[in-house]
Amino acid sequence: MIQLFLLTILGPGLLLAYPLVLFLYFPPLAFVPAAIFMWLRFRLRKGTSNPPKTIWIGAATVVWTLYGIYETKMYFWSQKVIAPIRLDLGFIAPVLYFLTITGIISYFKIKRNIRSLEKK
């Protein structure tokens, strides 16, 4: 009930925060996207003799790993203080979303280019 109330007051911008709330309560889950991007990067490099440019996928891997470490540290910090206010997520969330979307688009773009080269 309170989520519906907050959604009507804060608008759809609150929906963008919901995925990060999961990482606030379970920080090790932030390493799952990092592992997925790492797997995608190695999967692309394995199939070709000339490794494609996977800079965005690598950047997403590094940033998600750093975020996992940072969020784990912040989780233990929030247990020690009375009222932890996390304004840092307003800066971190757009970077994570941008790199995640860019990494996914980059993966499919590279995959499409590899397929077109194999057909020739």
C-alpha atoms as a PDB file:
ATOM      1  CA  MET A   1       0.000   0.000   0.000  1.00  0.00           C
ATOM      2  CA  ILE A   2       2.782   2.424   0.877  1.00  0.00           C
ATOM      3  CA  GLN A   3       4.583   1.625  -2.400  1.00  0.00           C
ATOM      4  CA  LEU A   4       1.487   2.549  -4.396  1.00  0.00           C
ATOM      5  CA  PHE A   5       1.183   5.784  -2.429  1.00  0.00           C
ATOM      6  CA  LEU A   6       4.845   6.646  -3.048  1.00  0.00           C
ATOM      7  CA  LEU A   7       4.520   5.760  -6.718  1.00  0.00           C
ATOM      8  CA  THR A   8       1.641   8.180  -7.175  1.00  0.00           C
ATOM      9  CA  ILE A   9       3.483  10.961  -5.352  1.00  0.00           C
ATOM     10  CA  LEU A  10       6.980  10.466  -6.751  1.00  0.00           C
ATOM     11  CA  GLY A  11       5.930   9.282 -10.188  1.00  0.00           C
ATOM     12  CA  PRO A  12       7.597   6.805 -12.510  1.00  0.00           C
ATOM     13  CA  GLY A  13      11.064   7.933 -11.433  1.00  0.00           C
ATOM     14  CA  LEU A  14      10.609   5.746  -8.389  1.00  0.00           C
ATOM     15  CA  LEU A  15      10.416   2.691 -10.649  1.00  0.00           C
ATOM     16  CA  LEU A  16      14.024   3.318 -11.653  1.00  0.00           C
ATOM     17  CA  ALA A  17      15.075   3.016  -8.022  1.00  0.00           C
ATOM     18  CA  TYR A  18      13.413  -0.354  -7.397  1.00  0.00           C
ATOM     19  CA  PRO A  19      16.201  -2.534  -8.883  1.00  0.00           C
ATOM     20  CA  LEU A  20      18.825  -0.816  -6.736  1.00  0.00           C
ATOM     21  CA  VAL A  21      16.786  -1.309  -3.566  1.00  0.00           C
ATOM     22  CA  LEU A  22      17.382  -5.039  -3.938  1.00  0.00           C
ATOM     23  CA  PHE A  23      21.137  -4.423  -3.830  1.00  0.00           C
ATOM     24  CA  LEU A  24      20.781  -2.290  -0.694  1.00  0.00           C
ATOM     25  CA  TYR A  25      19.434  -5.222   1.288  1.00  0.00           C
ATOM     26  CA  PHE A  26      21.492  -7.958  -0.417  1.00  0.00           C
ATOM     27  CA  PRO A  27      24.786  -6.361  -1.577  1.00  0.00           C
ATOM     28  CA  PRO A  28      26.373  -9.572  -2.936  1.00  0.00           C
ATOM     29  CA  LEU A  29      23.669  -9.641  -5.617  1.00  0.00           C
ATOM     30  CA  ALA A  30      25.433  -6.683  -7.244  1.00  0.00           C
ATOM     31  CA  PHE A  31      28.122  -9.110  -8.377  1.00  0.00           C
ATOM     32  CA  VAL A  32      25.591 -11.045 -10.491  1.00  0.00           C
ATOM     33  CA  PRO A  33      25.399  -8.408 -13.276  1.00  0.00           C
ATOM     34  CA  ALA A  34      29.201  -8.140 -13.156  1.00  0.00           C
ATOM     35  CA  ALA A  35      29.509 -11.898 -13.626  1.00  0.00           C
ATOM     36  CA  ILE A  36      26.993 -11.855 -16.482  1.00  0.00           C
ATOM     37  CA  PHE A  37      28.859  -9.088 -18.308  1.00  0.00           C
ATOM     38  CA  MET A  38      32.167 -10.888 -17.739  1.00  0.00           C
ATOM     39  CA  TRP A  39      30.679 -14.072 -19.179  1.00  0.00           C
ATOM     40  CA  LEU A  40      29.341 -12.173 -22.204  1.00  0.00           C
ATOM     41  CA  ARG A  41      32.728 -10.580 -22.798  1.00  0.00           C
ATOM     42  CA  PHE A  42      34.609 -13.875 -22.706  1.00  0.00           C
ATOM     43  CA  ARG A  43      31.942 -15.490 -24.849  1.00  0.00           C
ATOM     44  CA  LEU A  44      32.484 -12.886 -27.568  1.00  0.00           C
ATOM     45  CA  ARG A  45      36.258 -13.180 -27.408  1.00  0.00           C
ATOM     46  CA  LYS A  46      36.200 -16.977 -27.549  1.00  0.00           C
ATOM     47  CA  GLY A  47      34.353 -17.266 -30.840  1.00  0.00           C
ATOM     48  CA  THR A  48      36.570 -15.063 -32.990  1.00  0.00           C
ATOM     49  CA  SER A  49      40.204 -15.036 -34.018  1.00  0.00           C
ATOM     50  CA  ASN A  50      40.212 -11.222 -33.924  1.00  0.00           C
ATOM     51  CA  PRO A  51      38.637 -10.147 -30.621  1.00  0.00           C
ATOM     52  CA  PRO A  52      35.989  -7.464 -31.135  1.00  0.00           C
ATOM     53  CA  LYS A  53      36.037  -4.198 -29.274  1.00  0.00           C
ATOM     54  CA  THR A  54      34.230  -4.992 -26.081  1.00  0.00           C
ATOM     55  CA  ILE A  55      35.036  -1.791 -24.209  1.00  0.00           C
ATOM     56  CA  TRP A  56      31.458  -1.111 -23.065  1.00  0.00           C
ATOM     57  CA  ILE A  57      30.950  -4.656 -21.868  1.00  0.00           C
ATOM     58  CA  GLY A  58      34.252  -4.483 -20.004  1.00  0.00           C
ATOM     59  CA  ALA A  59      33.330  -1.108 -18.524  1.00  0.00           C
ATOM     60  CA  ALA A  60      30.005  -2.498 -17.315  1.00  0.00           C
ATOM     61  CA  THR A  61      31.840  -5.440 -15.742  1.00  0.00           C
ATOM     62  CA  VAL A  62      34.298  -3.204 -13.910  1.00  0.00           C
ATOM     63  CA  VAL A  63      31.693  -0.701 -12.707  1.00  0.00           C
ATOM     64  CA  TRP A  64      29.296  -3.406 -11.462  1.00  0.00           C
ATOM     65  CA  THR A  65      32.183  -5.086  -9.620  1.00  0.00           C
ATOM     66  CA  LEU A  66      33.232  -1.811  -8.015  1.00  0.00           C
ATOM     67  CA  TYR A  67      29.613  -1.089  -7.137  1.00  0.00           C
ATOM     68  CA  GLY A  68      29.310  -4.514  -5.488  1.00  0.00           C
ATOM     69  CA  ILE A  69      32.362  -3.819  -3.343  1.00  0.00           C
ATOM     70  CA  TYR A  70      31.144  -0.318  -2.509  1.00  0.00           C
ATOM     71  CA  GLU A  71      27.610  -1.464  -1.706  1.00  0.00           C
ATOM     72  CA  THR A  72      28.905  -4.206   0.593  1.00  0.00           C
ATOM     73  CA  LYS A  73      30.995  -1.621   2.449  1.00  0.00           C
ATOM     74  CA  MET A  74      28.009   0.730   2.681  1.00  0.00           C
ATOM     75  CA  TYR A  75      25.775  -2.076   3.927  1.00  0.00           C
ATOM     76  CA  PHE A  76      28.032  -2.646   6.926  1.00  0.00           C
ATOM     77  CA  TRP A  77      28.332   1.111   7.450  1.00  0.00           C
ATOM     78  CA  SER A  78      24.542   1.498   7.494  1.00  0.00           C
ATOM     79  CA  GLN A  79      24.335  -1.048  10.309  1.00  0.00           C
ATOM     80  CA  LYS A  80      26.478   1.212  12.511  1.00  0.00           C
ATOM     81  CA  VAL A  81      24.636   4.522  12.069  1.00  0.00           C
ATOM     82  CA  ILE A  82      21.188   5.524  13.279  1.00  0.00           C
ATOM     83  CA  ALA A  83      19.645   6.950  10.104  1.00  0.00           C
ATOM     84  CA  PRO A  84      21.674   6.206   6.967  1.00  0.00           C
ATOM     85  CA  ILE A  85      20.702   8.574   4.182  1.00  0.00           C
ATOM     86  CA  ARG A  86      22.029   7.424   0.822  1.00  0.00           C
ATOM     87  CA  LEU A  87      22.236  10.392  -1.514  1.00  0.00           C
ATOM     88  CA  ASP A  88      25.064   8.695  -3.384  1.00  0.00           C
ATOM     89  CA  LEU A  89      22.601   6.438  -5.198  1.00  0.00           C
ATOM     90  CA  GLY A  90      21.327   9.455  -7.106  1.00  0.00           C
ATOM     91  CA  PHE A  91      24.730   9.650  -8.774  1.00  0.00           C
ATOM     92  CA  ILE A  92      25.510   5.947  -8.966  1.00  0.00           C
ATOM     93  CA  ALA A  93      22.199   4.752 -10.423  1.00  0.00           C
ATOM     94  CA  PRO A  94      22.385   6.702 -13.717  1.00  0.00           C
ATOM     95  CA  VAL A  95      25.935   5.477 -14.324  1.00  0.00           C
ATOM     96  CA  LEU A  96      24.944   1.862 -13.659  1.00  0.00           C
ATOM     97  CA  TYR A  97      21.855   2.116 -15.857  1.00  0.00           C
ATOM     98  CA  PHE A  98      23.778   3.803 -18.675  1.00  0.00           C
ATOM     99  CA  LEU A  99      26.582   1.241 -18.667  1.00  0.00           C
ATOM    100  CA  THR A 100      24.164  -1.673 -18.368  1.00  0.00           C
ATOM    101  CA  ILE A 101      22.078  -0.539 -21.334  1.00  0.00           C
ATOM    102  CA  THR A 102      25.164   0.387 -23.362  1.00  0.00           C
ATOM    103  CA  GLY A 103      26.809  -2.950 -22.553  1.00  0.00           C
ATOM    104  CA  ILE A 104      23.732  -4.914 -23.627  1.00  0.00           C
ATOM    105  CA  ILE A 105      23.371  -2.925 -26.856  1.00  0.00           C
ATOM    106  CA  SER A 106      27.089  -3.319 -27.532  1.00  0.00           C
ATOM    107  CA  TYR A 107      26.897  -7.082 -27.022  1.00  0.00           C
ATOM    108  CA  PHE A 108      24.073  -7.518 -29.519  1.00  0.00           C
ATOM    109  CA  LYS A 109      25.710  -5.154 -31.997  1.00  0.00           C
ATOM    110  CA  ILE A 110      29.003  -7.063 -31.855  1.00  0.00           C
ATOM    111  CA  LYS A 111      27.174 -10.384 -32.086  1.00  0.00           C
ATOM    112  CA  ARG A 112      25.330  -9.170 -35.190  1.00  0.00           C
ATOM    113  CA  ASN A 113      28.607  -8.006 -36.770  1.00  0.00           C
ATOM    114  CA  ILE A 114      30.246 -11.378 -36.076  1.00  0.00           C
ATOM    115  CA  ARG A 115      27.338 -13.202 -37.713  1.00  0.00           C
ATOM    116  CA  SER A 116      27.489 -10.968 -40.786  1.00  0.00           C
ATOM    117  CA  LEU A 117      31.248 -11.572 -41.100  1.00  0.00           C
ATOM    118  CA  GLU A 118      30.771 -15.338 -40.810  1.00  0.00           C
ATOM    119  CA  LYS A 119      28.232 -15.324 -43.647  1.00  0.00           C
ATOM    120  CA  LYS A 120      30.674 -13.621 -46.044  1.00  0.00           C
END
